[in-house]
C-alpha atoms as a PDB file:
ATOM      1  CA  MET A   1     -14.335  22.761   7.065  1.00  0.00           C
ATOM      2  CA  THR A   2     -10.462  21.962   5.657  1.00  0.00           C
ATOM      3  CA  ARG A   3     -10.699  22.310   1.670  1.00  0.00           C
ATOM      4  CA  PRO A   4      -9.650  19.206  -0.008  1.00  0.00           C
ATOM      5  CA  GLY A   5      -5.732  19.270  -0.635  1.00  0.00           C
ATOM      6  CA  SER A   6      -5.654  22.009   2.176  1.00  0.00           C
ATOM      7  CA  PRO A   7      -3.039  21.496   5.011  1.00  0.00           C
ATOM      8  CA  ASP A   8      -4.812  19.608   8.252  1.00  0.00           C
ATOM      9  CA  ALA A   9      -4.052  18.876  11.257  1.00  0.00           C
ATOM     10  CA  TYR A  10      -2.718  15.323  10.071  1.00  0.00           C
ATOM     11  CA  TYR A  11      -0.544  17.529   7.352  1.00  0.00           C
ATOM     12  CA  ARG A  12       1.222  19.497  10.288  1.00  0.00           C
ATOM     13  CA  ARG A  13       1.580  16.611  12.455  1.00  0.00           C
ATOM     14  CA  ALA A  14       3.403  14.361   9.949  1.00  0.00           C
ATOM     15  CA  LYS A  15       5.275  17.988   9.376  1.00  0.00           C
ATOM     16  CA  SER A  16       6.469  18.358  12.795  1.00  0.00           C
ATOM     17  CA  GLN A  17       7.298  14.633  13.179  1.00  0.00           C
ATOM     18  CA  GLY A  18       9.306  14.340   9.822  1.00  0.00           C
ATOM     19  CA  TYR A  19       7.173  12.441   7.592  1.00  0.00           C
ATOM     20  CA  ALA A  20       6.700  13.204   3.880  1.00  0.00           C
ATOM     21  CA  ALA A  21       3.049  12.900   3.814  1.00  0.00           C
ATOM     22  CA  ARG A  22       0.071  12.885   6.211  1.00  0.00           C
ATOM     23  CA  SER A  23      -0.958   9.686   4.477  1.00  0.00           C
ATOM     24  CA  VAL A  24       1.664   7.836   7.132  1.00  0.00           C
ATOM     25  CA  PHE A  25      -1.450   8.295   9.796  1.00  0.00           C
ATOM     26  CA  LYS A  26      -3.543   6.027   7.970  1.00  0.00           C
ATOM     27  CA  LEU A  27      -0.951   3.353   8.142  1.00  0.00           C
ATOM     28  CA  GLN A  28      -0.363   3.600  11.669  1.00  0.00           C
ATOM     29  CA  GLU A  29      -3.757   3.274  12.600  1.00  0.00           C
ATOM     30  CA  MET A  30      -4.192   0.423  10.479  1.00  0.00           C
ATOM     31  CA  ASP A  31      -1.343  -1.261  11.524  1.00  0.00           C
ATOM     32  CA  ARG A  32      -2.297  -0.610  15.413  1.00  0.00           C
ATOM     33  CA  ARG A  33      -5.488  -2.196  14.634  1.00  0.00           C
ATOM     34  CA  TYR A  34      -4.719  -5.196  12.443  1.00  0.00           C
ATOM     35  CA  GLY A  35      -0.793  -5.858  13.483  1.00  0.00           C
ATOM     36  CA  LEU A  36       0.523  -5.524  10.098  1.00  0.00           C
ATOM     37  CA  LEU A  37       4.365  -4.866  10.645  1.00  0.00           C
ATOM     38  CA  ARG A  38       6.933  -6.894  12.674  1.00  0.00           C
ATOM     39  CA  PRO A  39      10.411  -6.747  12.975  1.00  0.00           C
ATOM     40  CA  GLY A  40      12.241  -8.781  10.325  1.00  0.00           C
ATOM     41  CA  GLN A  41       9.245  -8.635   7.854  1.00  0.00           C
ATOM     42  CA  ALA A  42      10.160  -8.293   3.648  1.00  0.00           C
ATOM     43  CA  VAL A  43       7.518  -5.432   2.826  1.00  0.00           C
ATOM     44  CA  LEU A  44       6.739  -4.612  -0.674  1.00  0.00           C
ATOM     45  CA  ASP A  45       5.358  -0.734  -0.972  1.00  0.00           C
ATOM     46  CA  LEU A  46       3.669  -0.318  -4.022  1.00  0.00           C
ATOM     47  CA  GLY A  47       3.207   3.433  -5.057  1.00  0.00           C
ATOM     48  CA  CYS A  48       5.598   4.458  -2.524  1.00  0.00           C
ATOM     49  CA  HIS A  49       6.281   8.192  -3.309  1.00  0.00           C
ATOM     50  CA  PRO A  50       6.435  10.248  -1.576  1.00  0.00           C
ATOM     51  CA  GLY A  51       8.002   8.209   0.994  1.00  0.00           C
ATOM     52  CA  SER A  52       6.102   8.059   4.564  1.00  0.00           C
ATOM     53  CA  TRP A  53       4.671   4.493   4.707  1.00  0.00           C
ATOM     54  CA  LEU A  54       8.317   3.552   3.866  1.00  0.00           C
ATOM     55  CA  GLN A  55       9.656   5.694   6.434  1.00  0.00           C
ATOM     56  CA  PHE A  56       7.022   4.037   9.145  1.00  0.00           C
ATOM     57  CA  ALA A  57       7.377   0.662   7.939  1.00  0.00           C
ATOM     58  CA  SER A  58      11.185   0.693   8.363  1.00  0.00           C
ATOM     59  CA  GLN A  59      10.713   1.889  11.711  1.00  0.00           C
ATOM     60  CA  LYS A  60       8.684  -1.207  12.641  1.00  0.00           C
ATOM     61  CA  VAL A  61      10.874  -3.912  10.486  1.00  0.00           C
ATOM     62  CA  GLY A  62      14.289  -2.782  11.859  1.00  0.00           C
ATOM     63  CA  ARG A  63      17.558  -3.278  10.664  1.00  0.00           C
ATOM     64  CA  SER A  64      16.595  -7.342  10.082  1.00  0.00           C
ATOM     65  CA  GLY A  65      13.737  -6.681   7.667  1.00  0.00           C
ATOM     66  CA  ARG A  66      13.916  -5.536   3.803  1.00  0.00           C
ATOM     67  CA  LEU A  67      11.561  -2.749   2.110  1.00  0.00           C
ATOM     68  CA  VAL A  68      10.843  -2.671  -1.410  1.00  0.00           C
ATOM     69  CA  GLY A  69       9.095   0.565  -2.773  1.00  0.00           C
ATOM     70  CA  VAL A  70       7.834   0.676  -6.288  1.00  0.00           C
ATOM     71  CA  ASP A  71       6.399   4.029  -8.039  1.00  0.00           C
ATOM     72  CA  LEU A  72       7.130   6.103 -11.023  1.00  0.00           C
ATOM     73  CA  GLN A  73       8.542   8.636  -8.967  1.00  0.00           C
ATOM     74  CA  GLU A  74      11.569   8.589  -6.629  1.00  0.00           C
ATOM     75  CA  PRO A  75      10.583   9.164  -2.708  1.00  0.00           C
ATOM     76  CA  GLY A  76      11.158  12.565  -1.524  1.00  0.00           C
ATOM     77  CA  VAL A  77      12.963  10.915   1.410  1.00  0.00           C
ATOM     78  CA  SER A  78      16.264   9.108   1.934  1.00  0.00           C
ATOM     79  CA  MET A  79      15.657   4.899   1.191  1.00  0.00           C
ATOM     80  CA  PRO A  80      16.371   3.529   4.703  1.00  0.00           C
ATOM     81  CA  GLN A  81      18.416   1.178   5.357  1.00  0.00           C
ATOM     82  CA  GLY A  82      18.003  -2.352   3.905  1.00  0.00           C
ATOM     83  CA  SER A  83      15.716  -1.236   1.360  1.00  0.00           C
ATOM     84  CA  CYS A  84      15.526  -0.394  -2.799  1.00  0.00           C
ATOM     85  CA  PHE A  85      13.576   1.091  -4.992  1.00  0.00           C
ATOM     86  CA  ILE A  86      12.352   0.177  -8.351  1.00  0.00           C
ATOM     87  CA  GLN A  87      11.079   3.052 -11.109  1.00  0.00           C
ATOM     88  CA  ALA A  88       8.249   1.067 -12.489  1.00  0.00           C
ATOM     89  CA  ASP A  89       4.452   1.627 -13.806  1.00  0.00           C
ATOM     90  CA  LEU A  90       2.748  -1.313 -11.731  1.00  0.00           C
ATOM     91  CA  LEU A  91       0.381  -1.797 -14.372  1.00  0.00           C
ATOM     92  CA  GLU A  92       3.763  -3.058 -16.321  1.00  0.00           C
ATOM     93  CA  LEU A  93       5.570  -4.386 -13.630  1.00  0.00           C
ATOM     94  CA  THR A  94       5.886  -8.385 -13.135  1.00  0.00           C
ATOM     95  CA  ALA A  95       6.433 -10.270 -10.050  1.00  0.00           C
ATOM     96  CA  ALA A  96       9.389 -11.718 -11.538  1.00  0.00           C
ATOM     97  CA  GLU A  97      10.884  -8.279 -12.163  1.00  0.00           C
ATOM     98  CA  VAL A  98      10.400  -7.488  -8.804  1.00  0.00           C
ATOM     99  CA  GLN A  99      12.046 -10.652  -7.692  1.00  0.00           C
ATOM    100  CA  GLU A 100      15.087 -10.055  -9.875  1.00  0.00           C
ATOM    101  CA  ARG A 101      15.215  -6.304  -9.381  1.00  0.00           C
ATOM    102  CA  SER A 102      15.089  -6.434  -5.145  1.00  0.00           C
ATOM    103  CA  GLY A 103      16.635  -9.974  -4.907  1.00  0.00           C
ATOM    104  CA  VAL A 104      13.335 -10.828  -2.469  1.00  0.00           C
ATOM    105  CA  GLU A 105      11.795 -13.829  -3.408  1.00  0.00           C
ATOM    106  CA  VAL A 106       8.815 -13.333  -1.241  1.00  0.00           C
ATOM    107  CA  PHE A 107       7.183 -10.857   1.091  1.00  0.00           C
ATOM    108  CA  ASP A 108       5.299 -10.664   4.434  1.00  0.00           C
ATOM    109  CA  LEU A 109       3.396  -8.059   3.452  1.00  0.00           C
ATOM    110  CA  VAL A 110       2.467  -5.909  -0.072  1.00  0.00           C
ATOM    111  CA  LEU A 111       1.005  -2.317   0.858  1.00  0.00           C
ATOM    112  CA  SER A 112      -0.213  -0.172  -1.921  1.00  0.00           C
ATOM    113  CA  ASP A 113      -0.913   3.473  -1.388  1.00  0.00           C
ATOM    114  CA  VAL A 114      -1.052   3.801  -5.341  1.00  0.00           C
ATOM    115  CA  ALA A 115      -3.446   6.437  -6.564  1.00  0.00           C
ATOM    116  CA  PRO A 116      -4.061   7.161 -10.466  1.00  0.00           C
ATOM    117  CA  HIS A 117      -3.567  10.793 -11.942  1.00  0.00           C
ATOM    118  CA  THR A 118      -7.010  12.175 -11.366  1.00  0.00           C
ATOM    119  CA  THR A 119      -9.248  13.933 -13.750  1.00  0.00           C
ATOM    120  CA  GLY A 120     -11.916  15.012 -11.200  1.00  0.00           C
ATOM    121  CA  ILE A 121     -14.427  12.724 -13.507  1.00  0.00           C
ATOM    122  CA  LYS A 122     -15.389  10.545 -10.762  1.00  0.00           C
ATOM    123  CA  ASP A 123     -16.147   7.101 -12.752  1.00  0.00           C
ATOM    124  CA  ARG A 124     -12.974   7.596 -14.950  1.00  0.00           C
ATOM    125  CA  ASP A 125     -11.197   7.966 -11.774  1.00  0.00           C
ATOM    126  CA  ALA A 126     -12.765   5.358  -9.718  1.00  0.00           C
ATOM    127  CA  ALA A 127     -12.245   3.161 -12.875  1.00  0.00           C
ATOM    128  CA  ALA A 128      -8.479   4.085 -12.879  1.00  0.00           C
ATOM    129  CA  SER A 129      -7.919   3.358  -9.306  1.00  0.00           C
ATOM    130  CA  LEU A 130      -9.670   0.279  -9.245  1.00  0.00           C
ATOM    131  CA  GLU A 131      -7.470  -1.043 -12.275  1.00  0.00           C
ATOM    132  CA  LEU A 132      -4.639  -0.428 -10.196  1.00  0.00           C
ATOM    133  CA  SER A 133      -5.492  -1.849  -7.068  1.00  0.00           C
ATOM    134  CA  GLN A 134      -6.487  -4.962  -8.997  1.00  0.00           C
ATOM    135  CA  ALA A 135      -2.749  -4.821 -10.275  1.00  0.00           C
ATOM    136  CA  ALA A 136      -1.525  -4.592  -6.688  1.00  0.00           C
ATOM    137  CA  LEU A 137      -3.636  -7.742  -5.546  1.00  0.00           C
ATOM    138  CA  ASP A 138      -2.429 -10.063  -8.299  1.00  0.00           C
ATOM    139  CA  MET A 139       0.950  -8.882  -7.686  1.00  0.00           C
ATOM    140  CA  ALA A 140       0.377  -9.644  -3.520  1.00  0.00           C
ATOM    141  CA  LEU A 141      -1.283 -12.715  -4.589  1.00  0.00           C
ATOM    142  CA  ALA A 142       1.984 -13.812  -6.735  1.00  0.00           C
ATOM    143  CA  LEU A 143       4.819 -12.681  -4.144  1.00  0.00           C
ATOM    144  CA  LEU A 144       3.140 -12.774  -0.800  1.00  0.00           C
ATOM    145  CA  LYS A 145       4.328 -15.989   1.434  1.00  0.00           C
ATOM    146  CA  PRO A 146       1.412 -18.401   2.747  1.00  0.00           C
ATOM    147  CA  GLY A 147       0.064 -16.679   5.753  1.00  0.00           C
ATOM    148  CA  GLY A 148       1.102 -13.247   4.523  1.00  0.00           C
ATOM    149  CA  SER A 149      -1.221 -10.013   4.353  1.00  0.00           C
ATOM    150  CA  PHE A 150      -2.368  -7.038   1.950  1.00  0.00           C
ATOM    151  CA  LEU A 151      -3.417  -3.611   2.206  1.00  0.00           C
ATOM    152  CA  ALA A 152      -4.612  -1.332  -1.054  1.00  0.00           C
ATOM    153  CA  LYS A 153      -5.979   1.713  -1.505  1.00  0.00           C
ATOM    154  CA  VAL A 154      -8.955   1.839  -4.052  1.00  0.00           C
ATOM    155  CA  PHE A 155     -11.765   4.778  -4.734  1.00  0.00           C
ATOM    156  CA  PHE A 156     -15.291   3.236  -4.090  1.00  0.00           C
ATOM    157  CA  GLY A 157     -17.123   2.620  -7.116  1.00  0.00           C
ATOM    158  CA  PRO A 158     -18.091  -0.141  -9.312  1.00  0.00           C
ATOM    159  CA  GLY A 159     -16.055  -3.119  -9.346  1.00  0.00           C
ATOM    160  CA  VAL A 160     -14.712  -2.407  -5.609  1.00  0.00           C
ATOM    161  CA  GLU A 161     -17.389  -5.015  -4.259  1.00  0.00           C
ATOM    162  CA  ASP A 162     -15.939  -7.897  -6.454  1.00  0.00           C
ATOM    163  CA  LEU A 163     -12.055  -6.629  -5.294  1.00  0.00           C
ATOM    164  CA  ILE A 164     -13.712  -7.153  -1.637  1.00  0.00           C
ATOM    165  CA  ARG A 165     -14.568 -10.582  -2.293  1.00  0.00           C
ATOM    166  CA  GLN A 166     -11.488 -11.354  -3.895  1.00  0.00           C
ATOM    167  CA  VAL A 167      -9.540 -10.625  -0.866  1.00  0.00           C
ATOM    168  CA  LYS A 168     -12.002 -12.606   1.320  1.00  0.00           C
ATOM    169  CA  GLY A 169     -11.633 -15.358  -0.866  1.00  0.00           C
ATOM    170  CA  ALA A 170      -7.911 -15.699  -1.064  1.00  0.00           C
ATOM    171  CA  PHE A 171      -7.193 -14.917   2.756  1.00  0.00           C
ATOM    172  CA  LYS A 172      -8.591 -15.517   6.235  1.00  0.00           C
ATOM    173  CA  LEU A 173      -9.264 -12.527   6.987  1.00  0.00           C
ATOM    174  CA  GLY A 174     -10.794  -9.902   4.259  1.00  0.00           C
ATOM    175  CA  LYS A 175     -12.455  -6.628   4.984  1.00  0.00           C
ATOM    176  CA  ALA A 176     -12.885  -3.008   3.735  1.00  0.00           C
ATOM    177  CA  HIS A 177     -11.888  -0.160   6.372  1.00  0.00           C
ATOM    178  CA  LYS A 178     -11.446   3.754   6.146  1.00  0.00           C
ATOM    179  CA  PRO A 179      -9.096   5.326   8.304  1.00  0.00           C
ATOM    180  CA  ASP A 180      -9.722   8.249  10.426  1.00  0.00           C
ATOM    181  CA  ALA A 181      -6.958  10.060   8.841  1.00  0.00           C
ATOM    182  CA  SER A 182      -8.689   9.653   5.525  1.00  0.00           C
ATOM    183  CA  ARG A 183     -10.400  13.049   4.455  1.00  0.00           C
ATOM    184  CA  SER A 184     -14.014  12.870   5.346  1.00  0.00           C
ATOM    185  CA  ALA A 185     -14.807  13.792   1.470  1.00  0.00           C
ATOM    186  CA  SER A 186     -12.397  11.601  -0.249  1.00  0.00           C
ATOM    187  CA  LYS A 187     -14.022   8.324  -1.703  1.00  0.00           C
ATOM    188  CA  GLU A 188     -11.189   6.134  -0.720  1.00  0.00           C
ATOM    189  CA  ILE A 189     -11.171   2.842   1.443  1.00  0.00           C
ATOM    190  CA  TYR A 190      -8.321   0.553   2.019  1.00  0.00           C
ATOM    191  CA  ILE A 191      -8.894  -3.230   1.574  1.00  0.00           C
ATOM    192  CA  LEU A 192      -7.202  -5.459   3.810  1.00  0.00           C
ATOM    193  CA  GLY A 193      -6.403  -9.222   3.578  1.00  0.00           C
ATOM    194  CA  ARG A 194      -4.606 -11.050   6.307  1.00  0.00           C
ATOM    195  CA  GLY A 195      -3.524 -14.670   6.140  1.00  0.00           C
ATOM    196  CA  LEU A 196      -2.875 -15.758   2.838  1.00  0.00           C
ATOM    197  CA  LYS A 197      -4.920 -19.141   2.414  1.00  0.00           C
ATOM    198  CA  GLN A 198      -2.872 -20.777  -0.074  1.00  0.00           C
ATOM    199  CA  ALA A 199       0.626 -20.665  -1.267  1.00  0.00           C
ATOM    200  CA  ARG A 200       1.830 -18.826  -4.179  1.00  0.00           C
ATOM    201  CA  PRO A 201       1.090 -19.659  -8.024  1.00  0.00           C
ATOM    202  CA  GLY A 202       3.849 -21.807  -9.847  1.00  0.00           C
END
């Protein structure tokens, strides 16, 4: 059995293919299943460090797409052409600041692989993760165009079911999904919303 945090087959595969992290395979799987990424899209990647989701998204949206990454830490990869990076705390960043600093008014897809600094105390870590995922959803509802999609990681715990209900209410399709590339011992799940029902507020 692979110990948490130790290299596994996904880690080795990511390194061999030039990706910054094994998490790329989670996004690849969900993209294959749900058709999230397409050429020419504007994509907001919250919690983009170390950069593997930016790398994969860049391949999918192509030269006509726009990528905006947000994180406290700069990505560990070169930013793809047609992209920009905003160094900020998601809990303090506003939708208006994203628009102003990126030059992008609306997005087709908002991704969030953001995670808190874990303490090892499950309830505390789950609460911190929920707060970040709620902030990601609020950002998505402010910046997505009608019909847009949302995908966010969260550590399962109290309050997550309510977050899933919010997504189901706001999108034509809302559900939770655990990718094969997630470690079996991990409490993480991903919440998906496809087809935003209403126009952006304001």
